[in-house]
């Protein structure tokens, strides 16, 4: 069983400005520094303007609901890959994938950056799949909520970074 998700985030910045921030090593390094993350990531800037971020990290289970803790076997390692294609005119497309150890979870999705009036709109859509009988659907809903929160937080951080760049 899988659960679909879709989130849309609007920005007052142009697609080119948003894409520049999303594909900036400086922006990602600032984000990692803010999170005090010193390892578990790789940034790859491609010659065509595309950009890939691979992230893996151990996640503590203390804040997870009890029904999730019961099915976790060993360390919970979360992996994620965001890939943004180059800016093509005023649009860009990307993909996201993710998974977890200790529980059979998988996330796949697409990202689309498009113009919206004077700004831009970012749409993230995909599916989460957890192959655990009886509670897989509950975990999928939890994952979708976590993805929405992550996208919202990271978008705010990206916008803040872009605004700081404009001021300097």
C-alpha atoms as a PDB file:
ATOM      1  CA  UNK A   1       0.000   0.000   0.000  1.00  0.00           C
ATOM      2  CA  UNK A   2       1.218   3.532  -0.727  1.00  0.00           C
ATOM      3  CA  UNK A   3       0.085   7.015   0.221  1.00  0.00           C
ATOM      4  CA  UNK A   4       0.270   9.972  -2.119  1.00  0.00           C
ATOM      5  CA  UNK A   5       1.390  13.412  -1.045  1.00  0.00           C
ATOM      6  CA  UNK A   6       1.478  16.804  -2.704  1.00  0.00           C
ATOM      7  CA  UNK A   7       2.613  20.142  -1.323  1.00  0.00           C
ATOM      8  CA  UNK A   8       2.738  23.522  -2.995  1.00  0.00           C
ATOM      9  CA  UNK A   9       4.866  26.396  -1.742  1.00  0.00           C
ATOM     10  CA  UNK A  10       4.702  29.911  -3.131  1.00  0.00           C
ATOM     11  CA  UNK A  11       7.633  32.313  -3.213  1.00  0.00           C
ATOM     12  CA  UNK A  12       7.907  36.001  -3.999  1.00  0.00           C
ATOM     13  CA  UNK A  13      11.273  35.205  -5.621  1.00  0.00           C
ATOM     14  CA  UNK A  14      11.581  34.401  -9.317  1.00  0.00           C
ATOM     15  CA  UNK A  15      12.099  30.798 -10.428  1.00  0.00           C
ATOM     16  CA  UNK A  16      15.709  31.690 -11.326  1.00  0.00           C
ATOM     17  CA  UNK A  17      16.360  33.013  -7.799  1.00  0.00           C
ATOM     18  CA  UNK A  18      14.725  30.006  -6.145  1.00  0.00           C
ATOM     19  CA  UNK A  19      16.602  27.582  -8.405  1.00  0.00           C
ATOM     20  CA  UNK A  20      19.873  29.365  -7.664  1.00  0.00           C
ATOM     21  CA  UNK A  21      19.250  28.934  -3.937  1.00  0.00           C
ATOM     22  CA  UNK A  22      18.152  25.288  -4.244  1.00  0.00           C
ATOM     23  CA  UNK A  23      21.279  24.435  -6.255  1.00  0.00           C
ATOM     24  CA  UNK A  24      23.753  26.498  -4.249  1.00  0.00           C
ATOM     25  CA  UNK A  25      26.444  24.662  -2.313  1.00  0.00           C
ATOM     26  CA  UNK A  26      26.706  27.742  -0.069  1.00  0.00           C
ATOM     27  CA  UNK A  27      23.007  27.556   0.772  1.00  0.00           C
ATOM     28  CA  UNK A  28      23.175  23.843   1.601  1.00  0.00           C
ATOM     29  CA  UNK A  29      26.327  24.304   3.679  1.00  0.00           C
ATOM     30  CA  UNK A  30      24.646  27.151   5.605  1.00  0.00           C
ATOM     31  CA  UNK A  31      21.649  24.897   6.212  1.00  0.00           C
ATOM     32  CA  UNK A  32      23.860  22.041   7.437  1.00  0.00           C
ATOM     33  CA  UNK A  33      25.835  24.416   9.686  1.00  0.00           C
ATOM     34  CA  UNK A  34      22.604  25.728  11.207  1.00  0.00           C
ATOM     35  CA  UNK A  35      21.533  22.139  11.902  1.00  0.00           C
ATOM     36  CA  UNK A  36      25.028  21.387  13.288  1.00  0.00           C
ATOM     37  CA  UNK A  37      25.313  18.614  10.684  1.00  0.00           C
ATOM     38  CA  UNK A  38      28.951  17.891   9.957  1.00  0.00           C
ATOM     39  CA  UNK A  39      28.732  14.561   8.134  1.00  0.00           C
ATOM     40  CA  UNK A  40      26.384  12.316   6.201  1.00  0.00           C
ATOM     41  CA  UNK A  41      25.928  14.445   3.118  1.00  0.00           C
ATOM     42  CA  UNK A  42      27.349  14.850  -0.357  1.00  0.00           C
ATOM     43  CA  UNK A  43      26.726  17.770  -2.701  1.00  0.00           C
ATOM     44  CA  UNK A  44      27.229  17.292  -6.435  1.00  0.00           C
ATOM     45  CA  UNK A  45      27.103  20.280  -8.795  1.00  0.00           C
ATOM     46  CA  UNK A  46      26.695  19.003 -12.349  1.00  0.00           C
ATOM     47  CA  UNK A  47      28.168  20.829 -15.336  1.00  0.00           C
ATOM     48  CA  UNK A  48      24.749  21.383 -16.926  1.00  0.00           C
ATOM     49  CA  UNK A  49      23.454  23.325 -13.892  1.00  0.00           C
ATOM     50  CA  UNK A  50      21.807  20.332 -12.247  1.00  0.00           C
ATOM     51  CA  UNK A  51      22.468  19.652  -8.577  1.00  0.00           C
ATOM     52  CA  UNK A  52      22.229  16.546  -6.383  1.00  0.00           C
ATOM     53  CA  UNK A  53      22.179  16.333  -2.587  1.00  0.00           C
ATOM     54  CA  UNK A  54      22.601  12.953  -0.867  1.00  0.00           C
ATOM     55  CA  UNK A  55      21.868  12.943   2.861  1.00  0.00           C
ATOM     56  CA  UNK A  56      22.000  10.127   5.375  1.00  0.00           C
ATOM     57  CA  UNK A  57      21.632  10.425   9.109  1.00  0.00           C
ATOM     58  CA  UNK A  58      20.771   8.441  12.171  1.00  0.00           C
ATOM     59  CA  UNK A  59      17.494   9.532  13.681  1.00  0.00           C
ATOM     60  CA  UNK A  60      16.667   9.172  17.353  1.00  0.00           C
ATOM     61  CA  UNK A  61      13.487   7.288  18.064  1.00  0.00           C
ATOM     62  CA  UNK A  62      12.528   8.989  21.333  1.00  0.00           C
ATOM     63  CA  UNK A  63      10.028  11.354  19.658  1.00  0.00           C
ATOM     64  CA  UNK A  64       8.423   8.726  17.427  1.00  0.00           C
ATOM     65  CA  UNK A  65       5.000   7.304  18.323  1.00  0.00           C
ATOM     66  CA  UNK A  66       5.027   4.029  20.247  1.00  0.00           C
ATOM     67  CA  UNK A  67       3.553   2.025  17.374  1.00  0.00           C
ATOM     68  CA  UNK A  68       6.542   3.028  15.216  1.00  0.00           C
ATOM     69  CA  UNK A  69       9.151   2.294  17.900  1.00  0.00           C
ATOM     70  CA  UNK A  70       7.780  -1.235  18.228  1.00  0.00           C
ATOM     71  CA  UNK A  71       8.655  -2.129  14.617  1.00  0.00           C
ATOM     72  CA  UNK A  72      12.108  -0.517  14.452  1.00  0.00           C
ATOM     73  CA  UNK A  73      14.924  -3.030  14.508  1.00  0.00           C
ATOM     74  CA  UNK A  74      18.309  -1.473  15.330  1.00  0.00           C
ATOM     75  CA  UNK A  75      19.471   1.993  14.330  1.00  0.00           C
ATOM     76  CA  UNK A  76      17.092   4.123  12.301  1.00  0.00           C
ATOM     77  CA  UNK A  77      19.055   5.540   9.380  1.00  0.00           C
ATOM     78  CA  UNK A  78      17.235   7.872   7.018  1.00  0.00           C
ATOM     79  CA  UNK A  79      18.563   8.391   3.478  1.00  0.00           C
ATOM     80  CA  UNK A  80      17.433  11.039   1.036  1.00  0.00           C
ATOM     81  CA  UNK A  81      18.457  12.235  -2.416  1.00  0.00           C
ATOM     82  CA  UNK A  82      17.218  15.486  -3.929  1.00  0.00           C
ATOM     83  CA  UNK A  83      18.111  16.095  -7.546  1.00  0.00           C
ATOM     84  CA  UNK A  84      17.356  19.344  -9.344  1.00  0.00           C
ATOM     85  CA  UNK A  85      17.710  19.559 -13.094  1.00  0.00           C
ATOM     86  CA  UNK A  86      19.037  22.721 -14.713  1.00  0.00           C
ATOM     87  CA  UNK A  87      16.889  25.807 -15.083  1.00  0.00           C
ATOM     88  CA  UNK A  88      15.216  25.649 -18.491  1.00  0.00           C
ATOM     89  CA  UNK A  89      13.896  29.137 -19.224  1.00  0.00           C
ATOM     90  CA  UNK A  90      11.927  29.838 -16.059  1.00  0.00           C
ATOM     91  CA  UNK A  91      11.177  26.229 -15.046  1.00  0.00           C
ATOM     92  CA  UNK A  92      13.082  23.411 -13.405  1.00  0.00           C
ATOM     93  CA  UNK A  93      12.209  19.851 -12.478  1.00  0.00           C
ATOM     94  CA  UNK A  94      13.616  17.563  -9.863  1.00  0.00           C
ATOM     95  CA  UNK A  95      13.226  14.243  -8.111  1.00  0.00           C
ATOM     96  CA  UNK A  96      13.391  13.094  -4.543  1.00  0.00           C
ATOM     97  CA  UNK A  97      13.932   9.633  -3.156  1.00  0.00           C
ATOM     98  CA  UNK A  98      14.311   8.403   0.363  1.00  0.00           C
ATOM     99  CA  UNK A  99      14.245   5.415   2.589  1.00  0.00           C
ATOM    100  CA  UNK A 100      14.988   4.104   6.019  1.00  0.00           C
ATOM    101  CA  UNK A 101      16.817   1.233   7.594  1.00  0.00           C
ATOM    102  CA  UNK A 102      15.207  -0.658  10.438  1.00  0.00           C
ATOM    103  CA  UNK A 103      11.787  -0.281   8.812  1.00  0.00           C
ATOM    104  CA  UNK A 104      10.745  -0.991   5.223  1.00  0.00           C
ATOM    105  CA  UNK A 105       9.986   2.568   4.089  1.00  0.00           C
ATOM    106  CA  UNK A 106      10.443   4.203   0.708  1.00  0.00           C
ATOM    107  CA  UNK A 107       9.635   7.659  -0.658  1.00  0.00           C
ATOM    108  CA  UNK A 108       9.703   8.688  -4.327  1.00  0.00           C
ATOM    109  CA  UNK A 109       8.572  11.942  -5.792  1.00  0.00           C
ATOM    110  CA  UNK A 110       8.953  14.797  -8.196  1.00  0.00           C
ATOM    111  CA  UNK A 111       9.566  18.508  -7.717  1.00  0.00           C
ATOM    112  CA  UNK A 112       8.520  21.232 -10.131  1.00  0.00           C
ATOM    113  CA  UNK A 113       9.528  24.893 -10.012  1.00  0.00           C
ATOM    114  CA  UNK A 114       7.332  27.158 -12.110  1.00  0.00           C
ATOM    115  CA  UNK A 115       6.672  30.889 -12.486  1.00  0.00           C
ATOM    116  CA  UNK A 116       3.697  32.299 -10.598  1.00  0.00           C
ATOM    117  CA  UNK A 117       2.993  35.953 -11.297  1.00  0.00           C
ATOM    118  CA  UNK A 118       6.097  37.861 -10.191  1.00  0.00           C
ATOM    119  CA  UNK A 119       7.249  34.921  -8.055  1.00  0.00           C
ATOM    120  CA  UNK A 120       7.486  31.169  -8.217  1.00  0.00           C
ATOM    121  CA  UNK A 121       5.624  28.095  -7.072  1.00  0.00           C
ATOM    122  CA  UNK A 122       7.304  24.875  -5.992  1.00  0.00           C
ATOM    123  CA  UNK A 123       5.240  21.690  -6.157  1.00  0.00           C
ATOM    124  CA  UNK A 124       6.411  18.484  -4.500  1.00  0.00           C
ATOM    125  CA  UNK A 125       4.408  15.313  -5.209  1.00  0.00           C
ATOM    126  CA  UNK A 126       5.042  11.644  -4.648  1.00  0.00           C
ATOM    127  CA  UNK A 127       4.326   8.486  -2.711  1.00  0.00           C
ATOM    128  CA  UNK A 128       5.437   6.955   0.538  1.00  0.00           C
ATOM    129  CA  UNK A 129       5.348   3.191   0.925  1.00  0.00           C
ATOM    130  CA  UNK A 130       5.767   1.207   4.131  1.00  0.00           C
ATOM    131  CA  UNK A 131       5.543  -2.552   3.863  1.00  0.00           C
ATOM    132  CA  UNK A 132       4.478  -3.472   7.375  1.00  0.00           C
ATOM    133  CA  UNK A 133       1.190  -5.315   7.848  1.00  0.00           C
ATOM    134  CA  UNK A 134      -1.555  -3.521   9.777  1.00  0.00           C
ATOM    135  CA  UNK A 135       0.354  -0.328  10.666  1.00  0.00           C
ATOM    136  CA  UNK A 136       2.068   0.506   7.372  1.00  0.00           C
ATOM    137  CA  UNK A 137      -0.656   3.000   6.458  1.00  0.00           C
ATOM    138  CA  UNK A 138      -0.274   4.853   9.776  1.00  0.00           C
ATOM    139  CA  UNK A 139       3.473   5.083   9.243  1.00  0.00           C
ATOM    140  CA  UNK A 140       2.932   6.302   5.660  1.00  0.00           C
ATOM    141  CA  UNK A 141       0.708   9.103   7.001  1.00  0.00           C
ATOM    142  CA  UNK A 142       3.370   9.989   9.546  1.00  0.00           C
ATOM    143  CA  UNK A 143       6.044  10.040   6.815  1.00  0.00           C
ATOM    144  CA  UNK A 144       3.888  12.293   4.629  1.00  0.00           C
ATOM    145  CA  UNK A 145       3.437  14.721   7.534  1.00  0.00           C
ATOM    146  CA  UNK A 146       7.199  14.684   8.124  1.00  0.00           C
ATOM    147  CA  UNK A 147       7.881  15.351   4.428  1.00  0.00           C
ATOM    148  CA  UNK A 148       5.446  18.287   4.425  1.00  0.00           C
ATOM    149  CA  UNK A 149       7.106  19.745   7.537  1.00  0.00           C
ATOM    150  CA  UNK A 150      10.591  19.201   6.072  1.00  0.00           C
ATOM    151  CA  UNK A 151       9.697  20.823   2.740  1.00  0.00           C
ATOM    152  CA  UNK A 152       8.087  23.761   4.545  1.00  0.00           C
ATOM    153  CA  UNK A 153      11.077  24.281   6.861  1.00  0.00           C
ATOM    154  CA  UNK A 154      13.659  23.888   4.099  1.00  0.00           C
ATOM    155  CA  UNK A 155      11.764  26.266   1.835  1.00  0.00           C
ATOM    156  CA  UNK A 156      11.682  28.900   4.586  1.00  0.00           C
ATOM    157  CA  UNK A 157      15.432  28.430   5.106  1.00  0.00           C
ATOM    158  CA  UNK A 158      16.042  28.698   1.350  1.00  0.00           C
ATOM    159  CA  UNK A 159      14.001  31.910   1.118  1.00  0.00           C
ATOM    160  CA  UNK A 160      15.800  33.382   4.147  1.00  0.00           C
ATOM    161  CA  UNK A 161      19.160  32.518   2.571  1.00  0.00           C
ATOM    162  CA  UNK A 162      18.126  34.111  -0.752  1.00  0.00           C
ATOM    163  CA  UNK A 163      17.002  37.271   1.056  1.00  0.00           C
ATOM    164  CA  UNK A 164      20.312  37.460   2.939  1.00  0.00           C
ATOM    165  CA  UNK A 165      22.161  37.172  -0.378  1.00  0.00           C
ATOM    166  CA  UNK A 166      20.148  40.075  -1.813  1.00  0.00           C
ATOM    167  CA  UNK A 167      21.078  42.254   1.167  1.00  0.00           C
ATOM    168  CA  UNK A 168      24.807  41.552   0.976  1.00  0.00           C
END
